[in-house]
Amino acid sequence: VQLQASGGGLVQTGGSLRLACAISGRGFTTHAEGWFRQAPGKERDFVAAINWSGSTTYYADSAKGRFTISRDNAKNTVYLQMNSLKPEDTAVYYCATGPGIFTVVSRYESWGQGTLVTVSS
């Protein structure tokens, strides 16, 4: 399985970005996907996750009300819409796939390479 994250960039405080995670190299699956982020010098933290059908989502407190995770299974792509961005959202954002919705890094099996989001004040 390969995951390719894209959509990062530089945005001002209050702005929006939509990240995409393109998944390839697998057939039908009931795996879930998650987004994590890692700021310089910090651990990789959970942001949001979505189950295989899109019927269930889960968010970190920091993402609730501002971020929305979604998926398009016809395109094998998972999205993270990020609104009302803050400087503290600055990080490398990673997508990952695993057997269910989990908030811990170790439960995910495959990871994308990450995309950098920088929010200027």
C-alpha atoms as a PDB file:
ATOM      1  CA  VAL A   1       0.000   0.000   0.000  1.00  0.00           C
ATOM      2  CA  GLN A   2       1.250   3.474  -0.854  1.00  0.00           C
ATOM      3  CA  LEU A   3      -0.098   6.734   0.505  1.00  0.00           C
ATOM      4  CA  GLN A   4       0.702  10.100  -1.050  1.00  0.00           C
ATOM      5  CA  ALA A   5      -0.187  13.221   0.909  1.00  0.00           C
ATOM      6  CA  SER A   6      -0.501  16.569  -0.811  1.00  0.00           C
ATOM      7  CA  GLY A   7      -2.057  19.991  -0.423  1.00  0.00           C
ATOM      8  CA  GLY A   8       0.149  21.565   2.187  1.00  0.00           C
ATOM      9  CA  GLY A   9       1.471  25.080   1.897  1.00  0.00           C
ATOM     10  CA  LEU A  10       1.769  28.493   3.483  1.00  0.00           C
ATOM     11  CA  VAL A  11      -1.419  30.165   4.674  1.00  0.00           C
ATOM     12  CA  GLN A  12      -2.252  33.101   6.913  1.00  0.00           C
ATOM     13  CA  THR A  13      -4.017  32.780  10.240  1.00  0.00           C
ATOM     14  CA  GLY A  14      -7.706  32.188   9.648  1.00  0.00           C
ATOM     15  CA  GLY A  15      -7.143  30.692   6.229  1.00  0.00           C
ATOM     16  CA  SER A  16      -8.010  27.268   4.866  1.00  0.00           C
ATOM     17  CA  LEU A  17      -6.277  24.351   3.223  1.00  0.00           C
ATOM     18  CA  ARG A  18      -7.458  20.988   1.959  1.00  0.00           C
ATOM     19  CA  LEU A  19      -5.072  18.093   2.244  1.00  0.00           C
ATOM     20  CA  ALA A  20      -5.465  14.970   0.134  1.00  0.00           C
ATOM     21  CA  CYS A  21      -4.160  11.463   0.695  1.00  0.00           C
ATOM     22  CA  ALA A  22      -4.123   9.293  -2.417  1.00  0.00           C
ATOM     23  CA  ILE A  23      -4.034   5.579  -1.651  1.00  0.00           C
ATOM     24  CA  SER A  24      -2.833   2.971  -4.098  1.00  0.00           C
ATOM     25  CA  GLY A  25      -1.690  -0.617  -4.223  1.00  0.00           C
ATOM     26  CA  ARG A  26      -4.638  -2.318  -2.581  1.00  0.00           C
ATOM     27  CA  GLY A  27      -8.025  -3.718  -3.466  1.00  0.00           C
ATOM     28  CA  PHE A  28     -11.238  -3.472  -1.495  1.00  0.00           C
ATOM     29  CA  THR A  29     -10.575  -3.015   2.186  1.00  0.00           C
ATOM     30  CA  THR A  30     -12.352  -2.083   5.368  1.00  0.00           C
ATOM     31  CA  HIS A  31      -9.338  -0.209   6.635  1.00  0.00           C
ATOM     32  CA  ALA A  32      -9.639   3.211   8.177  1.00  0.00           C
ATOM     33  CA  GLU A  33      -7.437   6.203   7.470  1.00  0.00           C
ATOM     34  CA  GLY A  34      -6.150   8.827   9.800  1.00  0.00           C
ATOM     35  CA  TRP A  35      -4.360  12.139   9.715  1.00  0.00           C
ATOM     36  CA  PHE A  36      -1.578  12.942  12.151  1.00  0.00           C
ATOM     37  CA  ARG A  37       0.704  15.929  12.459  1.00  0.00           C
ATOM     38  CA  GLN A  38       4.167  16.532  13.785  1.00  0.00           C
ATOM     39  CA  ALA A  39       5.551  19.936  14.681  1.00  0.00           C
ATOM     40  CA  PRO A  40       9.324  20.453  14.929  1.00  0.00           C
ATOM     41  CA  GLY A  41      10.717  18.853  18.047  1.00  0.00           C
ATOM     42  CA  LYS A  42       7.398  17.335  19.036  1.00  0.00           C
ATOM     43  CA  GLU A  43       5.756  13.949  18.844  1.00  0.00           C
ATOM     44  CA  ARG A  44       3.416  12.912  16.065  1.00  0.00           C
ATOM     45  CA  ASP A  45      -0.137  13.683  17.203  1.00  0.00           C
ATOM     46  CA  PHE A  46      -3.499  12.391  16.095  1.00  0.00           C
ATOM     47  CA  VAL A  47      -5.717  14.829  14.191  1.00  0.00           C
ATOM     48  CA  ALA A  48      -8.644  12.930  12.676  1.00  0.00           C
ATOM     49  CA  ALA A  49      -9.685   9.524  11.386  1.00  0.00           C
ATOM     50  CA  ILE A  50     -12.402   8.058   9.209  1.00  0.00           C
ATOM     51  CA  ASN A  51     -13.655   4.536   8.724  1.00  0.00           C
ATOM     52  CA  TRP A  52     -13.708   2.718   5.394  1.00  0.00           C
ATOM     53  CA  SER A  53     -17.207   3.791   4.404  1.00  0.00           C
ATOM     54  CA  GLY A  54     -16.995   7.345   5.689  1.00  0.00           C
ATOM     55  CA  SER A  55     -19.857   6.788   8.108  1.00  0.00           C
ATOM     56  CA  THR A  56     -17.730   7.276  11.211  1.00  0.00           C
ATOM     57  CA  THR A  57     -15.229  10.003  11.964  1.00  0.00           C
ATOM     58  CA  TYR A  58     -13.252  10.970  15.034  1.00  0.00           C
ATOM     59  CA  TYR A  59     -11.342  14.141  15.818  1.00  0.00           C
ATOM     60  CA  ALA A  60      -8.774  15.375  18.255  1.00  0.00           C
ATOM     61  CA  ASP A  61     -10.066  18.183  20.437  1.00  0.00           C
ATOM     62  CA  SER A  62      -7.769  20.588  18.616  1.00  0.00           C
ATOM     63  CA  ALA A  63      -9.461  19.752  15.308  1.00  0.00           C
ATOM     64  CA  LYS A  64     -13.110  19.677  16.342  1.00  0.00           C
ATOM     65  CA  GLY A  65     -15.189  22.376  14.706  1.00  0.00           C
ATOM     66  CA  ARG A  66     -12.383  23.471  12.377  1.00  0.00           C
ATOM     67  CA  PHE A  67     -11.253  20.371  10.470  1.00  0.00           C
ATOM     68  CA  THR A  68     -13.321  17.888   8.484  1.00  0.00           C
ATOM     69  CA  ILE A  69     -12.120  14.496   7.322  1.00  0.00           C
ATOM     70  CA  SER A  70     -13.837  12.867   4.357  1.00  0.00           C
ATOM     71  CA  ARG A  71     -13.181  10.291   1.685  1.00  0.00           C
ATOM     72  CA  ASP A  72     -13.977   9.494  -1.912  1.00  0.00           C
ATOM     73  CA  ASN A  73     -13.584   5.757  -2.345  1.00  0.00           C
ATOM     74  CA  ALA A  74     -14.089   5.995  -6.092  1.00  0.00           C
ATOM     75  CA  LYS A  75     -10.889   8.064  -6.170  1.00  0.00           C
ATOM     76  CA  ASN A  76      -9.154   6.159  -3.357  1.00  0.00           C
ATOM     77  CA  THR A  77      -8.535   9.470  -1.650  1.00  0.00           C
ATOM     78  CA  VAL A  78      -9.014  10.780   1.865  1.00  0.00           C
ATOM     79  CA  TYR A  79      -9.250  14.517   2.514  1.00  0.00           C
ATOM     80  CA  LEU A  80      -8.678  16.827   5.440  1.00  0.00           C
ATOM     81  CA  GLN A  81     -10.377  20.192   5.099  1.00  0.00           C
ATOM     82  CA  MET A  82      -8.783  22.624   7.515  1.00  0.00           C
ATOM     83  CA  ASN A  83     -10.474  25.939   8.255  1.00  0.00           C
ATOM     84  CA  SER A  84      -9.740  28.766  10.681  1.00  0.00           C
ATOM     85  CA  LEU A  85      -6.094  27.785  10.746  1.00  0.00           C
ATOM     86  CA  LYS A  86      -3.891  28.955  13.590  1.00  0.00           C
ATOM     87  CA  PRO A  87      -0.099  29.240  13.884  1.00  0.00           C
ATOM     88  CA  GLU A  88      -0.162  26.265  16.261  1.00  0.00           C
ATOM     89  CA  ASP A  89      -1.480  24.134  13.396  1.00  0.00           C
ATOM     90  CA  THR A  90       1.902  24.456  11.719  1.00  0.00           C
ATOM     91  CA  ALA A  91       3.319  20.959  11.249  1.00  0.00           C
ATOM     92  CA  VAL A  92       4.021  18.203   8.799  1.00  0.00           C
ATOM     93  CA  TYR A  93       0.756  16.366   8.216  1.00  0.00           C
ATOM     94  CA  TYR A  94       0.801  12.625   7.610  1.00  0.00           C
ATOM     95  CA  CYS A  95      -1.890  10.254   6.450  1.00  0.00           C
ATOM     96  CA  ALA A  96      -1.933   6.628   7.500  1.00  0.00           C
ATOM     97  CA  THR A  97      -4.014   3.495   7.104  1.00  0.00           C
ATOM     98  CA  GLY A  98      -4.904   0.884   9.689  1.00  0.00           C
ATOM     99  CA  PRO A  99      -7.478  -1.721  10.718  1.00  0.00           C
ATOM    100  CA  GLY A 100      -9.722   0.742  12.513  1.00  0.00           C
ATOM    101  CA  ILE A 101     -10.123   4.216  13.936  1.00  0.00           C
ATOM    102  CA  PHE A 102      -7.326   4.688  16.434  1.00  0.00           C
ATOM    103  CA  THR A 103      -5.622   7.717  17.885  1.00  0.00           C
ATOM    104  CA  VAL A 104      -2.199   6.171  18.426  1.00  0.00           C
ATOM    105  CA  VAL A 105       0.579   6.007  15.869  1.00  0.00           C
ATOM    106  CA  SER A 106       1.408   2.373  16.554  1.00  0.00           C
ATOM    107  CA  ARG A 107      -1.995   1.098  15.390  1.00  0.00           C
ATOM    108  CA  TYR A 108      -1.499   2.320  11.832  1.00  0.00           C
ATOM    109  CA  GLU A 109       0.224   0.073   9.325  1.00  0.00           C
ATOM    110  CA  SER A 110       1.300   2.287   6.448  1.00  0.00           C
ATOM    111  CA  TRP A 111       2.159   5.982   6.234  1.00  0.00           C
ATOM    112  CA  GLY A 112       2.472   8.621   3.592  1.00  0.00           C
ATOM    113  CA  GLN A 113       5.478  10.893   3.323  1.00  0.00           C
ATOM    114  CA  GLY A 114       3.875  13.974   4.858  1.00  0.00           C
ATOM    115  CA  THR A 115       2.984  17.427   3.612  1.00  0.00           C
ATOM    116  CA  LEU A 116       4.061  20.647   5.321  1.00  0.00           C
ATOM    117  CA  VAL A 117       1.468  23.132   6.531  1.00  0.00           C
ATOM    118  CA  THR A 118       2.729  26.517   7.679  1.00  0.00           C
ATOM    119  CA  VAL A 119       0.352  29.041   9.203  1.00  0.00           C
ATOM    120  CA  SER A 120       1.735  32.542   9.504  1.00  0.00           C
ATOM    121  CA  SER A 121       0.584  34.968  12.178  1.00  0.00           C
END
